C-alpha atoms as a PDB file:
ATOM      1  CA  MET A   1       0.000   0.000   0.000  1.00  0.00           C
ATOM      2  CA  GLU A   2       2.838   2.392   0.810  1.00  0.00           C
ATOM      3  CA  HIS A   3       4.428   1.645  -2.567  1.00  0.00           C
ATOM      4  CA  ILE A   4       1.140   2.379  -4.356  1.00  0.00           C
ATOM      5  CA  LYS A   5       0.769   5.646  -2.411  1.00  0.00           C
ATOM      6  CA  LYS A   6       4.267   6.740  -3.407  1.00  0.00           C
ATOM      7  CA  LEU A   7       3.570   5.881  -7.056  1.00  0.00           C
ATOM      8  CA  TYR A   8       0.329   7.855  -6.959  1.00  0.00           C
ATOM      9  CA  VAL A   9       1.946  10.910  -5.356  1.00  0.00           C
ATOM     10  CA  SER A  10       4.853  10.755  -7.804  1.00  0.00           C
ATOM     11  CA  HIS A  11       2.511  10.469 -10.783  1.00  0.00           C
ATOM     12  CA  PHE A  12       0.285  13.279  -9.473  1.00  0.00           C
ATOM     13  CA  LYS A  13       3.266  15.605  -8.943  1.00  0.00           C
ATOM     14  CA  LYS A  14       4.465  14.922 -12.486  1.00  0.00           C
ATOM     15  CA  GLU A  15       0.991  15.619 -13.902  1.00  0.00           C
ATOM     16  CA  VAL A  16       0.810  18.921 -12.025  1.00  0.00           C
ATOM     17  CA  LYS A  17       4.323  19.876 -13.138  1.00  0.00           C
ATOM     18  CA  ASP A  18       3.503  19.083 -16.759  1.00  0.00           C
ATOM     19  CA  TYR A  19       0.212  21.000 -16.495  1.00  0.00           C
ATOM     20  CA  VAL A  20       1.888  24.105 -15.063  1.00  0.00           C
ATOM     21  CA  SER A  21       4.637  23.846 -17.669  1.00  0.00           C
ATOM     22  CA  GLU A  22       2.128  23.702 -20.525  1.00  0.00           C
ATOM     23  CA  VAL A  23       0.201  26.677 -19.159  1.00  0.00           C
ATOM     24  CA  SER A  24       3.496  28.560 -18.878  1.00  0.00           C
ATOM     25  CA  GLY A  25       4.230  27.840 -22.520  1.00  0.00           C
ATOM     26  CA  ILE A  26       0.786  28.991 -23.658  1.00  0.00           C
ATOM     27  CA  ILE A  27       1.016  32.201 -21.614  1.00  0.00           C
ATOM     28  CA  SER A  28       4.483  32.896 -22.991  1.00  0.00           C
ATOM     29  CA  TYR A  29       3.165  32.408 -26.524  1.00  0.00           C
ATOM     30  CA  LEU A  30       0.201  34.725 -25.946  1.00  0.00           C
ATOM     31  CA  HIS A  31       2.529  37.454 -24.713  1.00  0.00           C
ATOM     32  CA  PHE A  32       4.592  37.484 -27.876  1.00  0.00           C
ATOM     33  CA  SER A  33       4.404  40.877 -29.514  1.00  0.00           C
ATOM     34  CA  LYS A  34       1.834  40.923 -32.316  1.00  0.00           C
ATOM     35  CA  ASP A  35       3.716  43.720 -34.023  1.00  0.00           C
ATOM     36  CA  ALA A  36       6.137  43.009 -36.826  1.00  0.00           C
ATOM     37  CA  LEU A  37       9.634  42.528 -35.493  1.00  0.00           C
ATOM     38  CA  SER A  38      12.300  45.069 -36.313  1.00  0.00           C
ATOM     39  CA  SER A  39      15.079  43.859 -38.579  1.00  0.00           C
ATOM     40  CA  LYS A  40      17.457  44.014 -35.602  1.00  0.00           C
ATOM     41  CA  LYS A  41      15.238  41.843 -33.401  1.00  0.00           C
ATOM     42  CA  GLN A  42      14.515  39.391 -36.211  1.00  0.00           C
ATOM     43  CA  SER A  43      18.239  39.138 -36.898  1.00  0.00           C
ATOM     44  CA  SER A  44      18.785  38.403 -33.194  1.00  0.00           C
ATOM     45  CA  ASN A  45      16.058  35.736 -33.315  1.00  0.00           C
ATOM     46  CA  ASP A  46      17.621  34.238 -36.417  1.00  0.00           C
ATOM     47  CA  ASP A  47      20.949  33.977 -34.594  1.00  0.00           C
ATOM     48  CA  GLU A  48      19.171  32.311 -31.666  1.00  0.00           C
ATOM     49  CA  PHE A  49      17.421  29.939 -34.039  1.00  0.00           C
ATOM     50  CA  ASN A  50      20.704  28.960 -35.699  1.00  0.00           C
ATOM     51  CA  ARG A  51      22.372  28.364 -32.324  1.00  0.00           C
ATOM     52  CA  LEU A  52      19.555  26.217 -30.994  1.00  0.00           C
ATOM     53  CA  GLU A  53      19.160  24.361 -34.288  1.00  0.00           C
ATOM     54  CA  LYS A  54      22.869  23.551 -34.230  1.00  0.00           C
ATOM     55  CA  ASP A  55      22.581  22.306 -30.635  1.00  0.00           C
ATOM     56  CA  LEU A  56      19.551  20.251 -31.636  1.00  0.00           C
ATOM     57  CA  GLY A  57      21.522  18.648 -34.462  1.00  0.00           C
ATOM     58  CA  LYS A  58      24.312  17.720 -32.052  1.00  0.00           C
ATOM     59  CA  THR A  59      21.791  16.341 -29.566  1.00  0.00           C
ATOM     60  CA  CYS A  60      20.128  14.142 -32.193  1.00  0.00           C
ATOM     61  CA  GLU A  61      23.498  12.944 -33.435  1.00  0.00           C
ATOM     62  CA  THR A  62      24.647  12.090 -29.908  1.00  0.00           C
ATOM     63  CA  LEU A  63      21.376  10.334 -29.132  1.00  0.00           C
ATOM     64  CA  ASN A  64      21.607   8.278 -32.312  1.00  0.00           C
ATOM     65  CA  GLU A  65      25.250   7.326 -31.635  1.00  0.00           C
ATOM     66  CA  ASN A  66      24.526   6.327 -28.030  1.00  0.00           C
ATOM     67  CA  LEU A  67      21.515   4.251 -29.028  1.00  0.00           C
ATOM     68  CA  SER A  68      23.589   2.567 -31.748  1.00  0.00           C
ATOM     69  CA  GLN A  69      26.124   1.565 -29.093  1.00  0.00           C
ATOM     70  CA  VAL A  70      23.289   0.277 -26.911  1.00  0.00           C
ATOM     71  CA  HIS A  71      22.025  -1.712 -29.913  1.00  0.00           C
ATOM     72  CA  GLN A  72      25.439  -3.333 -30.413  1.00  0.00           C
ATOM     73  CA  LYS A  73      25.716  -4.277 -26.733  1.00  0.00           C
ATOM     74  CA  LEU A  74      22.208  -5.716 -26.800  1.00  0.00           C
ATOM     75  CA  LYS A  75      23.083  -7.710 -29.922  1.00  0.00           C
ATOM     76  CA  LYS A  76      26.162  -9.275 -28.295  1.00  0.00           C
ATOM     77  CA  GLU A  77      24.195 -10.322 -25.232  1.00  0.00           C
ATOM     78  CA  LEU A  78      21.372 -11.746 -27.314  1.00  0.00           C
ATOM     79  CA  GLU A  79      23.848 -13.719 -29.416  1.00  0.00           C
ATOM     80  CA  MET A  80      25.306 -15.321 -26.298  1.00  0.00           C
ATOM     81  CA  GLY A  81      21.829 -15.997 -24.945  1.00  0.00           C
ATOM     82  CA  ALA A  82      20.733 -17.550 -28.242  1.00  0.00           C
ATOM     83  CA  LYS A  83      23.670 -19.982 -28.177  1.00  0.00           C
ATOM     84  CA  THR A  84      22.782 -21.080 -24.648  1.00  0.00           C
ATOM     85  CA  ALA A  85      19.111 -21.405 -25.557  1.00  0.00           C
ATOM     86  CA  GLU A  86      19.936 -23.562 -28.550  1.00  0.00           C
ATOM     87  CA  THR A  87      21.878 -26.070 -26.461  1.00  0.00           C
ATOM     88  CA  THR A  88      19.476 -26.186 -23.489  1.00  0.00           C
ATOM     89  CA  CYS A  89      16.035 -25.669 -25.038  1.00  0.00           C
ATOM     90  CA  LEU A  90      15.002 -29.314 -25.351  1.00  0.00           C
ATOM     91  CA  LYS A  91      16.094 -30.208 -21.828  1.00  0.00           C
ATOM     92  CA  ASN A  92      14.446 -27.140 -20.313  1.00  0.00           C
ATOM     93  CA  ALA A  93      11.194 -27.794 -22.160  1.00  0.00           C
ATOM     94  CA  THR A  94      11.195 -31.491 -21.234  1.00  0.00           C
ATOM     95  CA  ASP A  95      12.052 -31.032 -17.559  1.00  0.00           C
ATOM     96  CA  ARG A  96       9.827 -28.019 -16.881  1.00  0.00           C
ATOM     97  CA  VAL A  97       6.829 -28.497 -19.174  1.00  0.00           C
ATOM     98  CA  LEU A  98       6.584 -31.630 -21.290  1.00  0.00           C
ATOM     99  CA  GLU A  99       7.183 -34.339 -18.699  1.00  0.00           C
ATOM    100  CA  SER A 100       4.823 -34.823 -15.767  1.00  0.00           C
ATOM    101  CA  ARG A 101       6.370 -34.432 -12.335  1.00  0.00           C
ATOM    102  CA  GLY A 102       3.722 -36.588 -10.690  1.00  0.00           C
ATOM    103  CA  SER A 103       2.655 -40.177 -11.157  1.00  0.00           C
ATOM    104  CA  ASP A 104      -0.698 -39.235 -12.701  1.00  0.00           C
ATOM    105  CA  ASN A 105      -0.395 -38.062 -16.305  1.00  0.00           C
ATOM    106  CA  ARG A 106      -4.079 -37.239 -16.713  1.00  0.00           C
ATOM    107  CA  GLY A 107      -3.899 -33.787 -15.097  1.00  0.00           C
ATOM    108  CA  HIS A 108      -0.710 -32.963 -16.941  1.00  0.00           C
ATOM    109  CA  HIS A 109      -2.257 -34.129 -20.194  1.00  0.00           C
ATOM    110  CA  LYS A 110      -5.037 -31.532 -19.782  1.00  0.00           C
ATOM    111  CA  THR A 111      -2.495 -28.833 -18.993  1.00  0.00           C
ATOM    112  CA  LEU A 112      -0.402 -29.675 -22.042  1.00  0.00           C
ATOM    113  CA  LYS A 113      -3.471 -29.769 -24.272  1.00  0.00           C
ATOM    114  CA  ALA A 114      -4.677 -26.401 -22.922  1.00  0.00           C
ATOM    115  CA  LEU A 115      -1.220 -24.957 -23.430  1.00  0.00           C
ATOM    116  CA  CYS A 116      -1.214 -25.975 -27.074  1.00  0.00           C
ATOM    117  CA  LYS A 117      -4.678 -24.516 -27.637  1.00  0.00           C
ATOM    118  CA  ASN A 118      -3.390 -21.209 -26.252  1.00  0.00           C
ATOM    119  CA  ASP A 119      -0.201 -21.098 -28.361  1.00  0.00           C
ATOM    120  CA  GLY A 120       2.190 -22.231 -25.645  1.00  0.00           C
ATOM    121  CA  TYR A 121       0.747 -20.337 -22.679  1.00  0.00           C
ATOM    122  CA  TYR A 122      -1.531 -21.591 -19.892  1.00  0.00           C
ATOM    123  CA  ARG A 123      -2.707 -20.276 -16.531  1.00  0.00           C
ATOM    124  CA  SER A 124      -4.737 -22.539 -14.276  1.00  0.00           C
ATOM    125  CA  ARG A 125      -7.660 -21.456 -12.116  1.00  0.00           C
ATOM    126  CA  LYS A 126      -5.311 -21.555  -9.145  1.00  0.00           C
ATOM    127  CA  GLY A 127      -2.972 -19.126 -10.877  1.00  0.00           C
ATOM    128  CA  VAL A 128      -0.292 -21.643 -11.841  1.00  0.00           C
ATOM    129  CA  LEU A 129       1.438 -20.341 -14.957  1.00  0.00           C
ATOM    130  CA  VAL A 130       3.033 -22.480 -17.656  1.00  0.00           C
ATOM    131  CA  ASP A 131       4.663 -20.575 -20.529  1.00  0.00           C
ATOM    132  CA  LEU A 132       6.663 -22.776 -22.869  1.00  0.00           C
ATOM    133  CA  ASN A 133       7.591 -19.845 -25.108  1.00  0.00           C
ATOM    134  CA  TYR A 134       9.214 -18.002 -22.234  1.00  0.00           C
ATOM    135  CA  ILE A 135      10.973 -21.125 -20.974  1.00  0.00           C
ATOM    136  CA  LEU A 136      12.508 -21.658 -24.408  1.00  0.00           C
ATOM    137  CA  SER A 137      13.684 -18.039 -24.635  1.00  0.00           C
ATOM    138  CA  GLU A 138      14.621 -17.679 -20.952  1.00  0.00           C
ATOM    139  CA  PRO A 139      18.421 -17.988 -21.489  1.00  0.00           C
ATOM    140  CA  MET A 140      18.203 -14.982 -23.812  1.00  0.00           C
ATOM    141  CA  TYR A 141      16.232 -12.994 -21.264  1.00  0.00           C
ATOM    142  CA  LYS A 142      18.675 -13.829 -18.502  1.00  0.00           C
ATOM    143  CA  LYS A 143      21.584 -12.629 -20.621  1.00  0.00           C
ATOM    144  CA  MET A 144      20.059  -9.293 -21.664  1.00  0.00           C
ATOM    145  CA  ASN A 145      17.839  -8.371 -18.684  1.00  0.00           C
ATOM    146  CA  ASN A 146      20.431  -6.295 -16.839  1.00  0.00           C
ATOM    147  CA  HIS A 147      21.350  -4.280 -19.928  1.00  0.00           C
ATOM    148  CA  PHE A 148      17.689  -3.893 -20.864  1.00  0.00           C
ATOM    149  CA  GLN A 149      16.976  -2.401 -17.438  1.00  0.00           C
ATOM    150  CA  LYS A 150      19.812   0.087 -17.907  1.00  0.00           C
ATOM    151  CA  ILE A 151      18.391   1.142 -21.264  1.00  0.00           C
ATOM    152  CA  PHE A 152      14.822   1.695 -20.121  1.00  0.00           C
ATOM    153  CA  GLY A 153      15.353   2.267 -16.410  1.00  0.00           C
ATOM    154  CA  THR A 154      17.720   4.237 -14.241  1.00  0.00           C
ATOM    155  CA  GLY A 155      20.462   1.647 -14.013  1.00  0.00           C
ATOM    156  CA  PRO A 156      21.268  -0.753 -11.174  1.00  0.00           C
ATOM    157  CA  SER A 157      22.294   0.405  -7.725  1.00  0.00           C
ATOM    158  CA  GLY A 158      25.797   1.800  -7.765  1.00  0.00           C
ATOM    159  CA  THR A 159      25.724   2.999 -11.370  1.00  0.00           C
ATOM    160  CA  SER A 160      27.078   6.536 -11.627  1.00  0.00           C
ATOM    161  CA  VAL A 161      24.995   9.348 -13.104  1.00  0.00           C
ATOM    162  CA  ARG A 162      27.337   9.700 -16.065  1.00  0.00           C
ATOM    163  CA  GLN A 163      27.157   5.989 -16.843  1.00  0.00           C
ATOM    164  CA  THR A 164      23.399   6.008 -16.503  1.00  0.00           C
ATOM    165  CA  ARG A 165      22.989   8.972 -18.825  1.00  0.00           C
ATOM    166  CA  THR A 166      24.966   7.347 -21.591  1.00  0.00           C
ATOM    167  CA  THR A 167      23.201   3.993 -21.315  1.00  0.00           C
ATOM    168  CA  SER A 168      19.600   4.961 -20.471  1.00  0.00           C
ATOM    169  CA  ILE A 169      17.204   6.789 -22.746  1.00  0.00           C
ATOM    170  CA  GLN A 170      15.748   8.725 -19.818  1.00  0.00           C
ATOM    171  CA  GLY A 171      19.221   9.899 -18.811  1.00  0.00           C
ATOM    172  CA  GLN A 172      19.872  11.226 -22.295  1.00  0.00           C
ATOM    173  CA  PHE A 173      16.536  13.069 -22.252  1.00  0.00           C
ATOM    174  CA  GLU A 174      17.494  14.693 -18.953  1.00  0.00           C
ATOM    175  CA  SER A 175      20.834  15.801 -20.385  1.00  0.00           C
ATOM    176  CA  PHE A 176      19.036  17.291 -23.387  1.00  0.00           C
ATOM    177  CA  GLN A 177      16.737  19.311 -21.124  1.00  0.00           C
ATOM    178  CA  GLU A 178      19.539  20.551 -18.886  1.00  0.00           C
ATOM    179  CA  ASN A 179      21.962  21.512 -21.634  1.00  0.00           C
ATOM    180  CA  SER A 180      19.650  23.126 -24.175  1.00  0.00           C
ATOM    181  CA  ILE A 181      18.053  26.223 -22.611  1.00  0.00           C
ATOM    182  CA  THR A 182      19.346  26.446 -19.041  1.00  0.00           C
ATOM    183  CA  ASN A 183      17.956  28.606 -16.237  1.00  0.00           C
ATOM    184  CA  ASP A 184      21.166  30.638 -16.272  1.00  0.00           C
ATOM    185  CA  TYR A 185      20.721  31.305 -19.956  1.00  0.00           C
ATOM    186  CA  LEU A 186      17.123  32.399 -19.378  1.00  0.00           C
ATOM    187  CA  ILE A 187      18.244  34.809 -16.659  1.00  0.00           C
ATOM    188  CA  ILE A 188      20.623  36.424 -19.125  1.00  0.00           C
ATOM    189  CA  ARG A 189      17.703  36.904 -21.501  1.00  0.00           C
ATOM    190  CA  THR A 190      15.551  38.705 -18.896  1.00  0.00           C
ATOM    191  CA  LYS A 191      17.088  41.917 -20.273  1.00  0.00           C
ATOM    192  CA  ASP A 192      15.057  41.212 -23.404  1.00  0.00           C
ATOM    193  CA  GLU A 193      11.558  40.276 -22.272  1.00  0.00           C
ATOM    194  CA  GLU A 194      10.427  39.300 -25.757  1.00  0.00           C
ATOM    195  CA  LYS A 195      13.392  36.943 -26.217  1.00  0.00           C
ATOM    196  CA  TYR A 196      12.866  35.528 -22.720  1.00  0.00           C
ATOM    197  CA  LEU A 197       9.228  34.644 -23.450  1.00  0.00           C
ATOM    198  CA  ARG A 198      10.172  32.991 -26.713  1.00  0.00           C
ATOM    199  CA  LEU A 199      12.808  30.843 -25.020  1.00  0.00           C
ATOM    200  CA  VAL A 200      10.423  29.864 -22.216  1.00  0.00           C
ATOM    201  CA  TYR A 201       7.934  28.759 -24.856  1.00  0.00           C
ATOM    202  CA  ILE A 202      10.596  26.680 -26.661  1.00  0.00           C
ATOM    203  CA  ARG A 203      11.736  25.040 -23.434  1.00  0.00           C
ATOM    204  CA  THR A 204       8.117  24.237 -22.566  1.00  0.00           C
ATOM    205  CA  GLU A 205       7.598  22.660 -25.982  1.00  0.00           C
ATOM    206  CA  GLN A 206      10.764  20.633 -25.425  1.00  0.00           C
ATOM    207  CA  ARG A 207       9.385  19.253 -22.189  1.00  0.00           C
ATOM    208  CA  LYS A 208       6.088  18.389 -23.910  1.00  0.00           C
ATOM    209  CA  VAL A 209       7.886  16.552 -26.706  1.00  0.00           C
ATOM    210  CA  LEU A 210       9.987  14.518 -24.273  1.00  0.00           C
ATOM    211  CA  ASN A 211       6.944  13.696 -22.105  1.00  0.00           C
ATOM    212  CA  LYS A 212       5.139  12.417 -25.184  1.00  0.00           C
ATOM    213  CA  LEU A 213       8.149  10.321 -26.148  1.00  0.00           C
ATOM    214  CA  GLU A 214       8.424   8.877 -22.636  1.00  0.00           C
ATOM    215  CA  LYS A 215       4.881   7.536 -22.935  1.00  0.00           C
ATOM    216  CA  GLU A 216       5.679   6.065 -26.339  1.00  0.00           C
ATOM    217  CA  ILE A 217       8.834   4.465 -24.929  1.00  0.00           C
ATOM    218  CA  LEU A 218       6.822   2.852 -22.135  1.00  0.00           C
ATOM    219  CA  GLN A 219       4.512   1.227 -24.676  1.00  0.00           C
ATOM    220  CA  ARG A 220       7.308   0.116 -26.967  1.00  0.00           C
ATOM    221  CA  LYS A 221       9.359  -1.196 -24.044  1.00  0.00           C
ATOM    222  CA  LYS A 222       6.700  -3.849 -23.462  1.00  0.00           C
ATOM    223  CA  LEU A 223       6.594  -4.691 -27.162  1.00  0.00           C
ATOM    224  CA  ILE A 224      10.385  -4.962 -27.403  1.00  0.00           C
ATOM    225  CA  TYR A 225      10.728  -7.055 -24.238  1.00  0.00           C
ATOM    226  CA  ASN A 226       7.973  -9.480 -25.225  1.00  0.00           C
ATOM    227  CA  SER A 227       9.288  -9.806 -28.770  1.00  0.00           C
ATOM    228  CA  LEU A 228      11.577 -12.740 -27.859  1.00  0.00           C
ATOM    229  CA  SER A 229       8.869 -15.028 -26.488  1.00  0.00           C
ATOM    230  CA  ASP A 230       6.374 -13.748 -29.066  1.00  0.00           C
ATOM    231  CA  SER A 231       8.769 -14.719 -31.855  1.00  0.00           C
ATOM    232  CA  ILE A 232       9.174 -18.209 -30.349  1.00  0.00           C
ATOM    233  CA  ARG A 233       5.383 -18.478 -30.179  1.00  0.00           C
ATOM    234  CA  ASP A 234       5.078 -17.556 -33.854  1.00  0.00           C
ATOM    235  CA  THR A 235       7.668 -20.185 -34.810  1.00  0.00           C
ATOM    236  CA  MET A 236       5.902 -22.878 -32.776  1.00  0.00           C
ATOM    237  CA  LYS A 237       2.356 -21.763 -33.590  1.00  0.00           C
ATOM    238  CA  GLN A 238       1.598 -24.331 -36.287  1.00  0.00           C
ATOM    239  CA  THR A 239       2.944 -27.135 -34.081  1.00  0.00           C
ATOM    240  CA  TYR A 240       0.767 -25.964 -31.195  1.00  0.00           C
ATOM    241  CA  GLN A 241      -2.281 -26.003 -33.469  1.00  0.00           C
ATOM    242  CA  GLU A 242      -1.477 -29.482 -34.717  1.00  0.00           C
ATOM    243  CA  CYS A 243      -0.969 -30.762 -31.172  1.00  0.00           C
ATOM    244  CA  SER A 244      -4.270 -29.296 -29.974  1.00  0.00           C
ATOM    245  CA  GLY A 245      -6.033 -31.451 -32.565  1.00  0.00           C
ATOM    246  CA  ILE A 246      -4.458 -34.722 -31.438  1.00  0.00           C
ATOM    247  CA  THR A 247      -6.953 -37.015 -29.682  1.00  0.00           C
ATOM    248  CA  GLY A 248      -7.438 -40.684 -28.824  1.00  0.00           C
ATOM    249  CA  LYS A 249      -5.157 -43.311 -27.416  1.00  0.00           C
ATOM    250  CA  ASP A 250      -1.605 -42.246 -26.574  1.00  0.00           C
ATOM    251  CA  SER A 251      -2.462 -38.637 -27.438  1.00  0.00           C
ATOM    252  CA  PHE A 252      -0.418 -37.372 -24.465  1.00  0.00           C
ATOM    253  CA  ARG A 253       2.701 -39.164 -25.665  1.00  0.00           C
ATOM    254  CA  LYS A 254       2.107 -38.041 -29.261  1.00  0.00           C
ATOM    255  CA  ILE A 255       1.798 -34.400 -28.192  1.00  0.00           C
ATOM    256  CA  GLN A 256       4.997 -34.683 -26.175  1.00  0.00           C
ATOM    257  CA  GLU A 257       6.922 -36.195 -29.051  1.00  0.00           C
ATOM    258  CA  LYS A 258       5.601 -33.715 -31.586  1.00  0.00           C
ATOM    259  CA  LEU A 259       6.593 -30.752 -29.408  1.00  0.00           C
ATOM    260  CA  LYS A 260      10.045 -32.223 -28.743  1.00  0.00           C
ATOM    261  CA  SER A 261      10.551 -32.864 -32.444  1.00  0.00           C
ATOM    262  CA  ALA A 262       9.531 -29.303 -33.350  1.00  0.00           C
ATOM    263  CA  ILE A 263      11.852 -27.783 -30.749  1.00  0.00           C
ATOM    264  CA  GLU A 264      14.727 -29.879 -32.041  1.00  0.00           C
ATOM    265  CA  ASP A 265      13.964 -28.958 -35.663  1.00  0.00           C
ATOM    266  CA  PHE A 266      13.545 -25.234 -35.028  1.00  0.00           C
ATOM    267  CA  LYS A 267      16.335 -24.629 -32.524  1.00  0.00           C
ATOM    268  CA  LYS A 268      18.879 -23.649 -35.206  1.00  0.00           C
ATOM    269  CA  THR A 269      16.694 -20.786 -36.436  1.00  0.00           C
ATOM    270  CA  MET A 270      14.037 -19.748 -33.926  1.00  0.00           C
ATOM    271  CA  PHE A 271      16.395 -18.122 -31.422  1.00  0.00           C
ATOM    272  CA  GLN A 272      18.204 -16.259 -34.187  1.00  0.00           C
ATOM    273  CA  ASN A 273      14.828 -15.082 -35.481  1.00  0.00           C
ATOM    274  CA  ALA A 274      13.822 -13.967 -31.995  1.00  0.00           C
ATOM    275  CA  MET A 275      17.065 -11.997 -31.644  1.00  0.00           C
ATOM    276  CA  THR A 276      16.531 -10.350 -35.037  1.00  0.00           C
ATOM    277  CA  LYS A 277      12.976  -9.403 -34.089  1.00  0.00           C
ATOM    278  CA  MET A 278      14.030  -7.698 -30.849  1.00  0.00           C
ATOM    279  CA  LEU A 279      16.859  -5.794 -32.531  1.00  0.00           C
ATOM    280  CA  GLU A 280      14.506  -4.630 -35.296  1.00  0.00           C
ATOM    281  CA  GLU A 281      12.003  -3.374 -32.721  1.00  0.00           C
ATOM    282  CA  PHE A 282      14.776  -1.481 -30.924  1.00  0.00           C
ATOM    283  CA  SER A 283      16.058   0.009 -34.184  1.00  0.00           C
ATOM    284  CA  ASP A 284      12.528   1.193 -34.996  1.00  0.00           C
ATOM    285  CA  LEU A 285      12.344   2.910 -31.605  1.00  0.00           C
ATOM    286  CA  GLN A 286      15.758   4.500 -32.109  1.00  0.00           C
ATOM    287  CA  LYS A 287      14.756   5.977 -35.471  1.00  0.00           C
ATOM    288  CA  TYR A 288      11.410   7.155 -34.126  1.00  0.00           C
ATOM    289  CA  LEU A 289      12.964   9.002 -31.160  1.00  0.00           C
ATOM    290  CA  VAL A 290      15.617  10.777 -33.200  1.00  0.00           C
ATOM    291  CA  ASP A 291      13.183  11.758 -35.979  1.00  0.00           C
ATOM    292  CA  GLU A 292      10.493  12.986 -33.574  1.00  0.00           C
ATOM    293  CA  ILE A 293      12.872  15.114 -31.507  1.00  0.00           C
ATOM    294  CA  LYS A 294      14.370  16.672 -34.613  1.00  0.00           C
ATOM    295  CA  THR A 295      11.027  17.329 -36.331  1.00  0.00           C
ATOM    296  CA  GLN A 296       9.034  18.528 -33.321  1.00  0.00           C
ATOM    297  CA  MET A 297      11.777  20.721 -31.885  1.00  0.00           C
ATOM    298  CA  THR A 298      12.544  22.278 -35.270  1.00  0.00           C
ATOM    299  CA  ASN A 299       8.863  23.202 -35.496  1.00  0.00           C
ATOM    300  CA  ALA A 300       8.993  24.693 -31.986  1.00  0.00           C
ATOM    301  CA  LEU A 301      12.084  26.738 -32.852  1.00  0.00           C
ATOM    302  CA  THR A 302      10.456  28.006 -36.025  1.00  0.00           C
ATOM    303  CA  LEU A 303       7.239  28.992 -34.278  1.00  0.00           C
ATOM    304  CA  GLY A 304       9.035  30.477 -31.291  1.00  0.00           C
ATOM    305  CA  LEU A 305      11.626  32.577 -33.082  1.00  0.00           C
ATOM    306  CA  ASN A 306       9.950  33.654 -36.314  1.00  0.00           C
ATOM    307  CA  GLN A 307       7.468  36.446 -36.952  1.00  0.00           C
ATOM    308  CA  ILE A 308       4.064  35.947 -35.328  1.00  0.00           C
ATOM    309  CA  PRO A 309       1.295  35.034 -37.821  1.00  0.00           C
ATOM    310  CA  GLU A 310      -1.723  37.262 -38.235  1.00  0.00           C
ATOM    311  CA  ASP A 311      -3.975  34.870 -36.354  1.00  0.00           C
ATOM    312  CA  LEU A 312      -3.352  32.339 -33.592  1.00  0.00           C
ATOM    313  CA  THR A 313      -4.405  29.200 -35.439  1.00  0.00           C
ATOM    314  CA  GLY A 314      -0.955  27.822 -34.730  1.00  0.00           C
ATOM    315  CA  LEU A 315      -1.398  28.270 -30.989  1.00  0.00           C
ATOM    316  CA  PRO A 316       0.187  25.348 -29.144  1.00  0.00           C
ATOM    317  CA  GLY A 317      -1.883  23.387 -26.686  1.00  0.00           C
ATOM    318  CA  ASN A 318      -5.107  23.650 -28.697  1.00  0.00           C
ATOM    319  CA  GLN A 319      -6.037  20.270 -27.271  1.00  0.00           C
ATOM    320  CA  TRP A 320      -5.302  21.477 -23.755  1.00  0.00           C
ATOM    321  CA  LYS A 321      -7.817  20.410 -21.118  1.00  0.00           C
ATOM    322  CA  PRO A 322      -8.109  21.497 -17.482  1.00  0.00           C
ATOM    323  CA  LEU A 323      -6.588  19.141 -14.921  1.00  0.00           C
END
């Protein structure tokens, strides 16, 4: 209960912070001068735009390079896990799923049949879980879990901030926020109220973009993590369907043998396919993050530092709703 309370408070604080930030951005936008900018001020804005655009380019390049390094590390760990899975898959499947641990095979026969009908996954009424797909891919998960947590989490206990920021996506986002338009830089711009408001708006848009990406990352994290066992399921799917249709005398033994035979036949390719699937999903996320940051922030820079249009149809936050 205490953990849930802390999660709720943390989530609520973040929602309030994001809400206040968005309102700040809208107010800053509304206070832009509606008058045409002088050539001197527009020249100053153009210089600001070029500086921030250059910083944005460096940020996207750094992010892409760091994620490419993460991809290579993930690939090495998956390759080692795939080799282990290939040599242990049949034994793991036999010992933990296919063979009955008790003297009565009837109950286990029903479990195995239900598992095949559900593409390798079964949960009993008592909550007992049997997942053959995960068991087959487990050596791969064990090899990459720690690195995966560093990528999508904050890093294990004892990891330094610098290490975390180069290996975790969240850490790189934080660096982007801190190094782009700093509070000190905003203070310098208080001498020019118009410029200050424009920079506040841009920084607010930056926070909105990163918040949106964090939600997307959370969704894709699940997809990427599950891709290993999902790929195994897809490889074994036809075998599961065939086994679910086996009936009559010795059906339990026939199902066992058919599953063992399929695992043995597929082991040279299914773990390699699972590895390829996960790496493709990660590469898709990498491209999406870099492209979105570059596109959305370039739009924010353009809107924030160019002349104000005659109307406010481009007003940010037009889908804004009260908290």
